[in-house]
Amino acid sequence: MAQRVGGLRRKTRRKFKKNIRTRGKISMVQYFQTFESGEKVVLKANTAVQKGMYHARFHGEVGTIKQKQGRCFEVVIKDGGMMKKLIIHPIHLQKCQTQ
């Protein structure tokens, strides 16, 4: 039986693609942003920083901040009826726009 070749970022070329205007240097404001416990966030990967990135299947999901863990945040999301805990760097998180 043949095995798959590749790692966690295989088949993500289009999924993690950035807009032409947002390419280049990373935003320091976004890198050092802080969140409160219970706040809603959207998982949006910044591919310029690999540290603290989540698996590609969670891209675009909405989660809740549980606590801070070192430089990263513990985010709880619902995936297929199960609650999952992810440890994500703040550069890969965006505050959720409430309407």
Protein backbone atom coordinates (compact mmCIF):
# COMPACT_ATOMS: atom_id res chain seq x y z
CA MET A 1 0.00 0.00 0.00
CA ALA A 2 1.37 3.40 -0.99
CA GLN A 3 1.90 6.05 1.67
CA ARG A 4 1.19 9.75 1.31
CA VAL A 5 4.15 11.98 0.69
CA GLY A 6 4.30 15.33 2.46
CA GLY A 7 3.71 16.95 5.80
CA LEU A 8 1.17 19.16 7.55
CA ARG A 9 1.18 21.87 4.87
CA ARG A 10 0.64 19.65 1.81
CA LYS A 11 -2.13 20.84 -0.54
CA THR A 12 -2.39 24.26 1.15
CA ARG A 13 -1.00 26.46 -1.64
CA ARG A 14 -4.36 28.09 -2.40
CA LYS A 15 -5.79 27.90 1.11
CA PHE A 16 -2.96 29.88 2.76
CA LYS A 17 -2.46 32.30 -0.16
CA LYS A 18 -2.25 35.95 0.89
CA ASN A 19 -3.68 38.97 -0.87
CA ILE A 20 -1.07 40.83 -2.96
CA ARG A 21 -1.42 43.94 -0.74
CA THR A 22 -0.76 42.01 2.48
CA ARG A 23 2.42 40.26 1.34
CA GLY A 24 5.82 41.28 2.68
CA LYS A 25 6.62 42.37 6.20
CA ILE A 26 4.55 41.06 9.08
CA SER A 27 2.52 43.45 11.21
CA MET A 28 4.02 43.98 14.67
CA VAL A 29 0.61 45.12 15.98
CA GLN A 30 -0.86 41.79 14.96
CA TYR A 31 2.17 39.89 16.29
CA PHE A 32 1.84 41.35 19.81
CA GLN A 33 -1.97 41.58 20.05
CA THR A 34 -3.66 40.37 23.24
CA PHE A 35 -7.00 38.70 23.87
CA GLU A 36 -9.20 38.29 26.91
CA SER A 37 -10.49 34.95 28.15
CA GLY A 38 -13.85 34.10 26.52
CA GLU A 39 -13.26 36.31 23.48
CA LYS A 40 -14.25 34.97 20.02
CA VAL A 41 -11.48 34.74 17.40
CA VAL A 42 -11.16 33.63 13.78
CA LEU A 43 -8.27 31.34 12.82
CA LYS A 44 -6.51 32.94 9.86
CA ALA A 45 -2.93 31.78 9.26
CA ASN A 46 -0.14 34.21 8.45
CA THR A 47 2.19 32.04 6.40
CA ALA A 48 5.21 34.30 6.97
CA VAL A 49 5.37 32.92 10.55
CA GLN A 50 5.41 29.15 10.94
CA LYS A 51 5.73 29.10 14.73
CA GLY A 52 2.46 28.51 16.56
CA MET A 53 0.52 27.65 13.38
CA TYR A 54 -2.39 25.23 13.50
CA HIS A 55 -3.29 22.39 11.12
CA ALA A 56 -4.76 23.46 7.76
CA ARG A 57 -8.13 21.78 8.43
CA PHE A 58 -8.93 24.42 11.08
CA HIS A 59 -8.37 27.42 8.74
CA GLY A 60 -11.28 29.88 8.90
CA GLU A 61 -12.86 28.35 12.04
CA VAL A 62 -14.20 30.48 14.88
CA GLY A 63 -13.00 29.63 18.37
CA THR A 64 -13.00 30.95 21.92
CA ILE A 65 -9.92 32.04 23.87
CA LYS A 66 -9.52 29.93 26.99
CA GLN A 67 -6.24 31.20 28.43
CA LYS A 68 -2.76 32.48 27.61
CA GLN A 69 0.02 29.91 27.45
CA GLY A 70 3.46 31.47 27.10
CA ARG A 71 3.40 33.68 24.01
CA CYS A 72 0.49 31.74 22.53
CA PHE A 73 -3.18 31.41 23.36
CA GLU A 74 -5.23 28.31 24.07
CA VAL A 75 -8.21 28.34 21.70
CA VAL A 76 -11.17 25.95 21.95
CA ILE A 77 -13.04 25.09 18.74
CA LYS A 78 -15.81 22.67 17.86
CA ASP A 79 -14.77 20.16 15.20
CA GLY A 80 -17.25 17.50 14.17
CA GLY A 81 -19.18 17.58 17.44
CA MET A 82 -16.01 17.42 19.55
CA MET A 83 -14.37 20.26 21.44
CA LYS A 84 -10.69 20.62 20.52
CA LYS A 85 -7.98 22.67 22.20
CA LEU A 86 -5.40 24.36 19.96
CA ILE A 87 -2.36 26.37 21.06
CA ILE A 88 -1.96 29.20 18.55
CA HIS A 89 0.33 32.21 18.21
CA PRO A 90 -1.57 35.55 18.16
CA ILE A 91 -0.39 36.41 14.62
CA HIS A 92 -2.67 33.62 13.35
CA LEU A 93 -5.73 34.99 15.19
CA GLN A 94 -8.18 37.77 14.33
CA LYS A 95 -10.83 39.27 16.57
CA CYS A 96 -14.28 38.11 15.51
CA GLN A 97 -16.53 40.84 14.12
CA THR A 98 -19.84 40.73 16.01
CA GLN A 99 -22.89 41.94 14.14
